[in-house]
Amino acid sequence: MTLRDQIAEQALTLPPADRAFLAELLEESLSSNGFATPELAAQWVAEVKRRVELYDRGETRAYDIRTVMQSMRNELEERRSRTAG
């Protein structure tokens, strides 16, 4: 088992609040990677936090990614069919 696997395994045994703390810490360490500017990274972090809070309060739902992607593919195919005909 790699060190990374060991760390992940140990982290998953922590209480939820500690896992959330680590997740936020790790996310912040990566927040500007892949974004054009630090400002965009900060805005995305704020949006993710907002969405998580909505979910935690029961104000929004989570959806399985496979279901969502299939629904999007179906809708795209329907739109293509309508415009091609």
PDB file of N, CA and C in Angstrom:
ATOM      1  N   MET A   1       0.850  -1.174   0.000  1.00  0.00           N
ATOM      2  CA  MET A   1       0.000   0.000   0.000  1.00  0.00           C
ATOM      3  C   MET A   1       0.899   1.241   0.000  1.00  0.00           C
ATOM      4  N   THR A   2       0.562   2.193  -0.859  1.00  0.00           N
ATOM      5  CA  THR A   2       1.359   3.414  -0.944  1.00  0.00           C
ATOM      6  C   THR A   2       1.049   4.336   0.230  1.00  0.00           C
ATOM      7  N   LEU A   3       1.936   5.288   0.445  1.00  0.00           N
ATOM      8  CA  LEU A   3       1.720   6.276   1.502  1.00  0.00           C
ATOM      9  C   LEU A   3       0.415   7.022   1.259  1.00  0.00           C
ATOM     10  N   ARG A   4       0.157   7.362   0.014  1.00  0.00           N
ATOM     11  CA  ARG A   4      -1.083   8.063  -0.331  1.00  0.00           C
ATOM     12  C   ARG A   4      -2.295   7.239   0.074  1.00  0.00           C
ATOM     13  N   ASP A   5      -2.271   5.945  -0.225  1.00  0.00           N
ATOM     14  CA  ASP A   5      -3.372   5.060   0.151  1.00  0.00           C
ATOM     15  C   ASP A   5      -3.525   4.981   1.666  1.00  0.00           C
ATOM     16  N   GLN A   6      -2.396   4.935   2.368  1.00  0.00           N
ATOM     17  CA  GLN A   6      -2.438   4.876   3.838  1.00  0.00           C
ATOM     18  C   GLN A   6      -3.061   6.140   4.422  1.00  0.00           C
ATOM     19  N   ILE A   7      -2.645   7.272   3.882  1.00  0.00           N
ATOM     20  CA  ILE A   7      -3.179   8.545   4.365  1.00  0.00           C
ATOM     21  C   ILE A   7      -4.680   8.618   4.092  1.00  0.00           C
ATOM     22  N   ALA A   8      -5.079   8.232   2.887  1.00  0.00           N
ATOM     23  CA  ALA A   8      -6.500   8.260   2.537  1.00  0.00           C
ATOM     24  C   ALA A   8      -7.295   7.335   3.453  1.00  0.00           C
ATOM     25  N   GLU A   9      -6.786   6.160   3.691  1.00  0.00           N
ATOM     26  CA  GLU A   9      -7.464   5.202   4.555  1.00  0.00           C
ATOM     27  C   GLU A   9      -7.638   5.765   5.965  1.00  0.00           C
ATOM     28  N   GLN A  10      -6.572   6.381   6.489  1.00  0.00           N
ATOM     29  CA  GLN A  10      -6.650   6.974   7.817  1.00  0.00           C
ATOM     30  C   GLN A  10      -7.617   8.161   7.842  1.00  0.00           C
ATOM     31  N   ALA A  11      -7.572   8.977   6.818  1.00  0.00           N
ATOM     32  CA  ALA A  11      -8.440  10.155   6.764  1.00  0.00           C
ATOM     33  C   ALA A  11      -9.913   9.748   6.750  1.00  0.00           C
ATOM     34  N   LEU A  12     -10.227   8.656   6.070  1.00  0.00           N
ATOM     35  CA  LEU A  12     -11.616   8.209   5.992  1.00  0.00           C
ATOM     36  C   LEU A  12     -12.156   7.685   7.319  1.00  0.00           C
ATOM     37  N   THR A  13     -11.281   7.423   8.264  1.00  0.00           N
ATOM     38  CA  THR A  13     -11.744   6.963   9.580  1.00  0.00           C
ATOM     39  C   THR A  13     -12.019   8.128  10.528  1.00  0.00           C
ATOM     40  N   LEU A  14     -11.672   9.344  10.121  1.00  0.00           N
ATOM     41  CA  LEU A  14     -11.881  10.520  10.969  1.00  0.00           C
ATOM     42  C   LEU A  14     -13.359  10.877  11.052  1.00  0.00           C
ATOM     43  N   PRO A  15     -13.739  11.576  12.110  1.00  0.00           N
ATOM     44  CA  PRO A  15     -15.117  12.067  12.205  1.00  0.00           C
ATOM     45  C   PRO A  15     -15.416  13.035  11.055  1.00  0.00           C
ATOM     46  N   PRO A  16     -16.682  13.194  10.693  1.00  0.00           N
ATOM     47  CA  PRO A  16     -17.049  14.063   9.564  1.00  0.00           C
ATOM     48  C   PRO A  16     -16.468  15.475   9.643  1.00  0.00           C
ATOM     49  N   ALA A  17     -16.471  16.084  10.801  1.00  0.00           N
ATOM     50  CA  ALA A  17     -15.942  17.455  10.912  1.00  0.00           C
ATOM     51  C   ALA A  17     -14.460  17.505  10.580  1.00  0.00           C
ATOM     52  N   ASP A  18     -13.715  16.505  10.997  1.00  0.00           N
ATOM     53  CA  ASP A  18     -12.283  16.463  10.691  1.00  0.00           C
ATOM     54  C   ASP A  18     -12.042  16.193   9.212  1.00  0.00           C
ATOM     55  N   ARG A  19     -12.864  15.332   8.614  1.00  0.00           N
ATOM     56  CA  ARG A  19     -12.733  15.072   7.173  1.00  0.00           C
ATOM     57  C   ARG A  19     -13.054  16.329   6.379  1.00  0.00           C
ATOM     58  N   ALA A  20     -14.065  17.070   6.814  1.00  0.00           N
ATOM     59  CA  ALA A  20     -14.415  18.328   6.145  1.00  0.00           C
ATOM     60  C   ALA A  20     -13.275  19.329   6.246  1.00  0.00           C
ATOM     61  N   PHE A  21     -12.655  19.403   7.427  1.00  0.00           N
ATOM     62  CA  PHE A  21     -11.516  20.301   7.619  1.00  0.00           C
ATOM     63  C   PHE A  21     -10.392  19.942   6.647  1.00  0.00           C
ATOM     64  N   LEU A  22     -10.059  18.658   6.569  1.00  0.00           N
ATOM     65  CA  LEU A  22      -8.991  18.227   5.662  1.00  0.00           C
ATOM     66  C   LEU A  22      -9.358  18.477   4.211  1.00  0.00           C
ATOM     67  N   ALA A  23     -10.609  18.206   3.860  1.00  0.00           N
ATOM     68  CA  ALA A  23     -11.045  18.436   2.481  1.00  0.00           C
ATOM     69  C   ALA A  23     -10.901  19.902   2.107  1.00  0.00           C
ATOM     70  N   GLU A  24     -11.314  20.785   3.001  1.00  0.00           N
ATOM     71  CA  GLU A  24     -11.201  22.215   2.734  1.00  0.00           C
ATOM     72  C   GLU A  24      -9.736  22.635   2.633  1.00  0.00           C
ATOM     73  N   LEU A  25      -8.921  22.133   3.523  1.00  0.00           N
ATOM     74  CA  LEU A  25      -7.497  22.460   3.505  1.00  0.00           C
ATOM     75  C   LEU A  25      -6.851  22.016   2.194  1.00  0.00           C
ATOM     76  N   LEU A  26      -7.151  20.800   1.772  1.00  0.00           N
ATOM     77  CA  LEU A  26      -6.597  20.294   0.520  1.00  0.00           C
ATOM     78  C   LEU A  26      -7.133  21.063  -0.682  1.00  0.00           C
ATOM     79  N   GLU A  27      -8.421  21.363  -0.657  1.00  0.00           N
ATOM     80  CA  GLU A  27      -9.022  22.106  -1.763  1.00  0.00           C
ATOM     81  C   GLU A  27      -8.404  23.482  -1.888  1.00  0.00           C
ATOM     82  N   GLU A  28      -8.203  24.138  -0.769  1.00  0.00           N
ATOM     83  CA  GLU A  28      -7.590  25.467  -0.791  1.00  0.00           C
ATOM     84  C   GLU A  28      -6.166  25.415  -1.318  1.00  0.00           C
ATOM     85  N   SER A  29      -5.467  24.317  -1.055  1.00  0.00           N
ATOM     86  CA  SER A  29      -4.092  24.212  -1.552  1.00  0.00           C
ATOM     87  C   SER A  29      -4.049  24.066  -3.067  1.00  0.00           C
ATOM     88  N   LEU A  30      -5.169  23.676  -3.652  1.00  0.00           N
ATOM     89  CA  LEU A  30      -5.247  23.490  -5.104  1.00  0.00           C
ATOM     90  C   LEU A  30      -6.092  24.548  -5.791  1.00  0.00           C
ATOM     91  N   SER A  31      -6.637  25.483  -5.037  1.00  0.00           N
ATOM     92  CA  SER A  31      -7.684  26.362  -5.549  1.00  0.00           C
ATOM     93  C   SER A  31      -7.307  27.182  -6.769  1.00  0.00           C
ATOM     94  N   SER A  32      -6.075  27.565  -6.958  1.00  0.00           N
ATOM     95  CA  SER A  32      -5.757  28.359  -8.142  1.00  0.00           C
ATOM     96  C   SER A  32      -5.292  27.499  -9.306  1.00  0.00           C
ATOM     97  N   ASN A  33      -5.049  26.224  -9.069  1.00  0.00           N
ATOM     98  CA  ASN A  33      -4.627  25.345 -10.164  1.00  0.00           C
ATOM     99  C   ASN A  33      -5.777  25.136 -11.136  1.00  0.00           C
ATOM    100  N   GLY A  34      -5.511  25.347 -12.405  1.00  0.00           N
ATOM    101  CA  GLY A  34      -6.518  25.133 -13.427  1.00  0.00           C
ATOM    102  C   GLY A  34      -7.432  26.319 -13.669  1.00  0.00           C
ATOM    103  N   PHE A  35      -7.280  27.392 -12.918  1.00  0.00           N
ATOM    104  CA  PHE A  35      -8.093  28.579 -13.117  1.00  0.00           C
ATOM    105  C   PHE A  35      -7.229  29.679 -13.708  1.00  0.00           C
ATOM    106  N   ALA A  36      -7.863  30.529 -14.483  1.00  0.00           N
ATOM    107  CA  ALA A  36      -7.124  31.602 -15.155  1.00  0.00           C
ATOM    108  C   ALA A  36      -6.545  32.601 -14.170  1.00  0.00           C
ATOM    109  N   THR A  37      -7.268  32.843 -13.096  1.00  0.00           N
ATOM    110  CA  THR A  37      -6.804  33.827 -12.111  1.00  0.00           C
ATOM    111  C   THR A  37      -7.129  33.336 -10.703  1.00  0.00           C
ATOM    112  N   PRO A  38      -6.426  33.841  -9.719  1.00  0.00           N
ATOM    113  CA  PRO A  38      -6.778  33.507  -8.332  1.00  0.00           C
ATOM    114  C   PRO A  38      -8.197  33.966  -7.975  1.00  0.00           C
ATOM    115  N   GLU A  39      -8.656  35.053  -8.611  1.00  0.00           N
ATOM    116  CA  GLU A  39     -10.012  35.538  -8.345  1.00  0.00           C
ATOM    117  C   GLU A  39     -11.056  34.524  -8.791  1.00  0.00           C
ATOM    118  N   LEU A  40     -10.844  33.931  -9.977  1.00  0.00           N
ATOM    119  CA  LEU A  40     -11.766  32.895 -10.461  1.00  0.00           C
ATOM    120  C   LEU A  40     -11.739  31.682  -9.537  1.00  0.00           C
ATOM    121  N   ALA A  41     -10.575  31.322  -9.080  1.00  0.00           N
ATOM    122  CA  ALA A  41     -10.450  30.200  -8.155  1.00  0.00           C
ATOM    123  C   ALA A  41     -11.235  30.488  -6.876  1.00  0.00           C
ATOM    124  N   ALA A  42     -11.102  31.697  -6.351  1.00  0.00           N
ATOM    125  CA  ALA A  42     -11.814  32.065  -5.131  1.00  0.00           C
ATOM    126  C   ALA A  42     -13.319  32.067  -5.344  1.00  0.00           C
ATOM    127  N   GLN A  43     -13.764  32.544  -6.505  1.00  0.00           N
ATOM    128  CA  GLN A  43     -15.195  32.545  -6.801  1.00  0.00           C
ATOM    129  C   GLN A  43     -15.735  31.121  -6.894  1.00  0.00           C
ATOM    130  N   TRP A  44     -14.960  30.230  -7.495  1.00  0.00           N
ATOM    131  CA  TRP A  44     -15.405  28.850  -7.604  1.00  0.00           C
ATOM    132  C   TRP A  44     -15.459  28.185  -6.227  1.00  0.00           C
ATOM    133  N   VAL A  45     -14.480  28.457  -5.391  1.00  0.00           N
ATOM    134  CA  VAL A  45     -14.490  27.911  -4.030  1.00  0.00           C
ATOM    135  C   VAL A  45     -15.742  28.394  -3.296  1.00  0.00           C
ATOM    136  N   ALA A  46     -16.058  29.671  -3.429  1.00  0.00           N
ATOM    137  CA  ALA A  46     -17.248  30.219  -2.771  1.00  0.00           C
ATOM    138  C   ALA A  46     -18.510  29.547  -3.297  1.00  0.00           C
ATOM    139  N   GLU A  47     -18.578  29.310  -4.593  1.00  0.00           N
ATOM    140  CA  GLU A  47     -19.751  28.657  -5.184  1.00  0.00           C
ATOM    141  C   GLU A  47     -19.889  27.217  -4.700  1.00  0.00           C
ATOM    142  N   VAL A  48     -18.802  26.506  -4.627  1.00  0.00           N
ATOM    143  CA  VAL A  48     -18.845  25.124  -4.131  1.00  0.00           C
ATOM    144  C   VAL A  48     -19.321  25.102  -2.686  1.00  0.00           C
ATOM    145  N   LYS A  49     -18.786  25.988  -1.879  1.00  0.00           N
ATOM    146  CA  LYS A  49     -19.213  26.051  -0.481  1.00  0.00           C
ATOM    147  C   LYS A  49     -20.697  26.377  -0.372  1.00  0.00           C
ATOM    148  N   ARG A  50     -21.174  27.297  -1.203  1.00  0.00           N
ATOM    149  CA  ARG A  50     -22.592  27.661  -1.203  1.00  0.00           C
ATOM    150  C   ARG A  50     -23.453  26.453  -1.538  1.00  0.00           C
ATOM    151  N   ARG A  51     -23.047  25.697  -2.542  1.00  0.00           N
ATOM    152  CA  ARG A  51     -23.822  24.534  -2.960  1.00  0.00           C
ATOM    153  C   ARG A  51     -23.810  23.442  -1.886  1.00  0.00           C
ATOM    154  N   VAL A  52     -22.678  23.237  -1.251  1.00  0.00           N
ATOM    155  CA  VAL A  52     -22.591  22.242  -0.181  1.00  0.00           C
ATOM    156  C   VAL A  52     -23.503  22.640   0.972  1.00  0.00           C
ATOM    157  N   GLU A  53     -23.503  23.920   1.308  1.00  0.00           N
ATOM    158  CA  GLU A  53     -24.380  24.394   2.388  1.00  0.00           C
ATOM    159  C   GLU A  53     -25.848  24.187   2.042  1.00  0.00           C
ATOM    160  N   LEU A  54     -26.230  24.454   0.803  1.00  0.00           N
ATOM    161  CA  LEU A  54     -27.603  24.201   0.366  1.00  0.00           C
ATOM    162  C   LEU A  54     -27.953  22.724   0.517  1.00  0.00           C
ATOM    163  N   TYR A  55     -27.045  21.870   0.111  1.00  0.00           N
ATOM    164  CA  TYR A  55     -27.270  20.432   0.224  1.00  0.00           C
ATOM    165  C   TYR A  55     -27.386  20.020   1.686  1.00  0.00           C
ATOM    166  N   ASP A  56     -26.480  20.511   2.511  1.00  0.00           N
ATOM    167  CA  ASP A  56     -26.491  20.162   3.933  1.00  0.00           C
ATOM    168  C   ASP A  56     -27.786  20.597   4.618  1.00  0.00           C
ATOM    169  N   ARG A  57     -28.375  21.708   4.158  1.00  0.00           N
ATOM    170  CA  ARG A  57     -29.628  22.192   4.742  1.00  0.00           C
ATOM    171  C   ARG A  57     -30.853  21.513   4.120  1.00  0.00           C
ATOM    172  N   GLY A  58     -30.625  20.650   3.150  1.00  0.00           N
ATOM    173  CA  GLY A  58     -31.731  19.953   2.502  1.00  0.00           C
ATOM    174  C   GLY A  58     -32.466  20.797   1.477  1.00  0.00           C
ATOM    175  N   GLU A  59     -31.840  21.858   1.000  1.00  0.00           N
ATOM    176  CA  GLU A  59     -32.482  22.767   0.057  1.00  0.00           C
ATOM    177  C   GLU A  59     -32.200  22.398  -1.399  1.00  0.00           C
ATOM    178  N   THR A  60     -31.366  21.395  -1.607  1.00  0.00           N
ATOM    179  CA  THR A  60     -31.078  20.917  -2.953  1.00  0.00           C
ATOM    180  C   THR A  60     -30.781  19.434  -2.869  1.00  0.00           C
ATOM    181  N   ARG A  61     -30.801  18.770  -3.993  1.00  0.00           N
ATOM    182  CA  ARG A  61     -30.580  17.327  -4.025  1.00  0.00           C
ATOM    183  C   ARG A  61     -29.295  17.015  -4.782  1.00  0.00           C
ATOM    184  N   ALA A  62     -28.795  15.830  -4.536  1.00  0.00           N
ATOM    185  CA  ALA A  62     -27.646  15.326  -5.288  1.00  0.00           C
ATOM    186  C   ALA A  62     -28.171  14.324  -6.315  1.00  0.00           C
ATOM    187  N   TYR A  63     -27.498  14.240  -7.444  1.00  0.00           N
ATOM    188  CA  TYR A  63     -27.901  13.331  -8.503  1.00  0.00           C
ATOM    189  C   TYR A  63     -26.717  12.468  -8.904  1.00  0.00           C
ATOM    190  N   ASP A  64     -26.998  11.233  -9.249  1.00  0.00           N
ATOM    191  CA  ASP A  64     -25.973  10.323  -9.722  1.00  0.00           C
ATOM    192  C   ASP A  64     -25.434  10.825 -11.059  1.00  0.00           C
ATOM    193  N   ILE A  65     -24.112  10.906 -11.183  1.00  0.00           N
ATOM    194  CA  ILE A  65     -23.490  11.464 -12.387  1.00  0.00           C
ATOM    195  C   ILE A  65     -23.842  10.678 -13.636  1.00  0.00           C
ATOM    196  N   ARG A  66     -23.952   9.355 -13.517  1.00  0.00           N
ATOM    197  CA  ARG A  66     -24.296   8.549 -14.695  1.00  0.00           C
ATOM    198  C   ARG A  66     -25.694   8.886 -15.198  1.00  0.00           C
ATOM    199  N   THR A  67     -26.608   9.081 -14.265  1.00  0.00           N
ATOM    200  CA  THR A  67     -27.981   9.431 -14.638  1.00  0.00           C
ATOM    201  C   THR A  67     -28.028  10.802 -15.288  1.00  0.00           C
ATOM    202  N   VAL A  68     -27.333  11.755 -14.704  1.00  0.00           N
ATOM    203  CA  VAL A  68     -27.304  13.113 -15.244  1.00  0.00           C
ATOM    204  C   VAL A  68     -26.685  13.128 -16.637  1.00  0.00           C
ATOM    205  N   MET A  69     -25.558  12.453 -16.799  1.00  0.00           N
ATOM    206  CA  MET A  69     -24.891  12.447 -18.107  1.00  0.00           C
ATOM    207  C   MET A  69     -25.767  11.782 -19.164  1.00  0.00           C
ATOM    208  N   GLN A  70     -26.451  10.694 -18.813  1.00  0.00           N
ATOM    209  CA  GLN A  70     -27.330  10.035 -19.778  1.00  0.00           C
ATOM    210  C   GLN A  70     -28.490  10.942 -20.161  1.00  0.00           C
ATOM    211  N   SER A  71     -29.042  11.641 -19.181  1.00  0.00           N
ATOM    212  CA  SER A  71     -30.128  12.578 -19.458  1.00  0.00           C
ATOM    213  C   SER A  71     -29.664  13.690 -20.397  1.00  0.00           C
ATOM    214  N   MET A  72     -28.468  14.203 -20.155  1.00  0.00           N
ATOM    215  CA  MET A  72     -27.924  15.259 -21.018  1.00  0.00           C
ATOM    216  C   MET A  72     -27.681  14.732 -22.434  1.00  0.00           C
ATOM    217  N   ARG A  73     -27.152  13.520 -22.549  1.00  0.00           N
ATOM    218  CA  ARG A  73     -26.926  12.929 -23.874  1.00  0.00           C
ATOM    219  C   ARG A  73     -28.249  12.745 -24.615  1.00  0.00           C
ATOM    220  N   ASN A  74     -29.267  12.274 -23.889  1.00  0.00           N
ATOM    221  CA  ASN A  74     -30.580  12.083 -24.503  1.00  0.00           C
ATOM    222  C   ASN A  74     -31.148  13.405 -24.997  1.00  0.00           C
ATOM    223  N   GLU A  75     -31.061  14.433 -24.170  1.00  0.00           N
ATOM    224  CA  GLU A  75     -31.578  15.743 -24.559  1.00  0.00           C
ATOM    225  C   GLU A  75     -30.813  16.307 -25.753  1.00  0.00           C
ATOM    226  N   LEU A  76     -29.509  16.165 -25.756  1.00  0.00           N
ATOM    227  CA  LEU A  76     -28.705  16.634 -26.878  1.00  0.00           C
ATOM    228  C   LEU A  76     -29.092  15.908 -28.164  1.00  0.00           C
ATOM    229  N   GLU A  77     -29.266  14.602 -28.074  1.00  0.00           N
ATOM    230  CA  GLU A  77     -29.666  13.819 -29.255  1.00  0.00           C
ATOM    231  C   GLU A  77     -31.026  14.254 -29.763  1.00  0.00           C
ATOM    232  N   GLU A  78     -31.966  14.519 -28.856  1.00  0.00           N
ATOM    233  CA  GLU A  78     -33.294  14.994 -29.256  1.00  0.00           C
ATOM    234  C   GLU A  78     -33.205  16.349 -29.958  1.00  0.00           C
ATOM    235  N   ARG A  79     -32.402  17.238 -29.427  1.00  0.00           N
ATOM    236  CA  ARG A  79     -32.241  18.565 -30.052  1.00  0.00           C
ATOM    237  C   ARG A  79     -31.610  18.449 -31.432  1.00  0.00           C
ATOM    238  N   ARG A  80     -30.608  17.592 -31.539  1.00  0.00           N
ATOM    239  CA  ARG A  80     -29.973  17.387 -32.847  1.00  0.00           C
ATOM    240  C   ARG A  80     -30.954  16.815 -33.847  1.00  0.00           C
ATOM    241  N   SER A  81     -31.781  15.896 -33.396  1.00  0.00           N
ATOM    242  CA  SER A  81     -32.789  15.294 -34.285  1.00  0.00           C
ATOM    243  C   SER A  81     -33.798  16.338 -34.766  1.00  0.00           C
ATOM    244  N   ARG A  82     -34.227  17.223 -33.864  1.00  0.00           N
ATOM    245  CA  ARG A  82     -35.201  18.260 -34.240  1.00  0.00           C
ATOM    246  C   ARG A  82     -34.609  19.246 -35.233  1.00  0.00           C
ATOM    247  N   THR A  83     -33.343  19.630 -35.051  1.00  0.00           N
ATOM    248  CA  THR A  83     -32.746  20.630 -35.935  1.00  0.00           C
ATOM    249  C   THR A  83     -32.304  20.024 -37.268  1.00  0.00           C
ATOM    250  N   ALA A  84     -32.047  18.727 -37.293  1.00  0.00           N
ATOM    251  CA  ALA A  84     -31.600  18.084 -38.525  1.00  0.00           C
ATOM    252  C   ALA A  84     -32.778  17.789 -39.458  1.00  0.00           C
ATOM    253  N   GLY A  85     -33.959  17.671 -38.891  1.00  0.00           N
ATOM    254  CA  GLY A  85     -35.125  17.261 -39.671  1.00  0.00           C
ATOM    255  C   GLY A  85     -35.833  18.383 -40.254  1.00  0.00           C
TER     256      GLY A  85
END
